[in-house]
């Protein structure tokens, strides 16, 4: 008798350990990004680094991170996401430790922008692929749980950073953060490679026909021609294994020679996605808005120092209140969205509008502390909503097989837009000598996503042909 059992089931079992692993990784390596302005604010002031240079640092880090998306697809095909996550975590640890001793603009660029950026660029695609591989039907719930747990970090981290800065200055604070980032290796160890296979057990040695049937079936499932496999077995019995393998190698070499270099690159990186104008509109819109939102979230301590005159402790309080509002949005908005039947795209746009309203209020009445708190609540909810649904837009559009390549191209697009557009926000500040104009310019960039999606016809588009038709928004 032959027993078969399936391994690697999705949406249950080890899948929830993957959520824990990804959460540990995010909590370990994200604090330096989430509290960048608070950590480096005083050091930048002492070094005389301008707003334009600060924007350059922020967006160069993002560009380096996103540029790794070009190789993340092929890397993920060759190595498991556990190995890739280990490598990314180790590089982030080294980068943060080195940044502790960076006391000039070039050294900050090398340590924070390049080294830490490379680590993040290797790590994030691995965690995204792990989540989307282990979850199919419960993907929204899993992603919401992960980003909600990750949102706990920014609630306490600003107070911790403020206390560390008070006692250990910037250098000591970054060294402690590098120790915290070592916990990402624990999270990476939990990202067990996903395997889905069948195991056949033969209880009767005489049941040769059943054995052959299972072997042929397994070969077919793994893309092996059963006739070729039988020929190879016959060749092995006759002692002609080497000649058979040599013949197969010659055939494969002949096929490879027929392929051009460009065709090979196109196949491995799935560049055919770029022929889909609507997919291009998706990544362009998200890229521009991501540049704007990332710049604003990173520069909040600088904005509050200039517009509101707040000190370190008050800024930490505002950032924590925003984080509490952020996690509230992550918990509540997905539940409301499920009942209302809203799509990920619609809620992403709503989050951009919310952030724009908050920035407008801040630029007009930002000198009042009560108003600053209200703005923190508005922007926090918008940020939490965006955090949940921005990672679901691409998976809703392409199939799982094309997801690594789709993520890779999205990251490359984000990187190009970040270094191209991002520094202009700092230039606007230095030109107008105020963050008011920079905030309005940020909002224009953010809302340009809506325009790009409308022009691209994304309110009525279909997904990858291998997936089901997407309902109209």
Foldseek 3Di string as FASTA:
>chain_A
DKDKDKPQAAPDDLLLLLLVLLLLLLLQQVLCLLCVCLLCVVLCVVQVPFLLLVLLLLLLLLLLLLLLLLCLLVVVVVDPLLVLLLVLLVQLLVLLLQCLPDNHSVSSCVRRRHSNSNSNSSNVLSSLLLLCSRHDPCSLVSLLVSVLSSLVNLLCSLVVSLVCCVPPNSSRSSNVSSVSSVSSNVSSVSSDGGDIDMDIDDPDPPPVVVVLVVVCVRCVVVVHHSVLVVVCVVCVVVVNNPVSVVVVVVVVVVVVVVDDPVNVSCVSLVCVVVVQLLLVLLLLLVLLLCLLVSSCSSCVVVQCCPQAVDDSVLSSNLSSLLSVLQSVLSPPVVVVCVVVVDALVVLLLVLLVLLLVLLLQCLPPVNDSVSSSVSSNSNSNSNNSNSSSVSVPQCQAEPSSNVSSSSSVSSNSSSVCSSVPRSVLSVQCVVVVHNSRSSNVSSVSNNVSVVSNVVSVVQQDAGDPVDDGDDGD
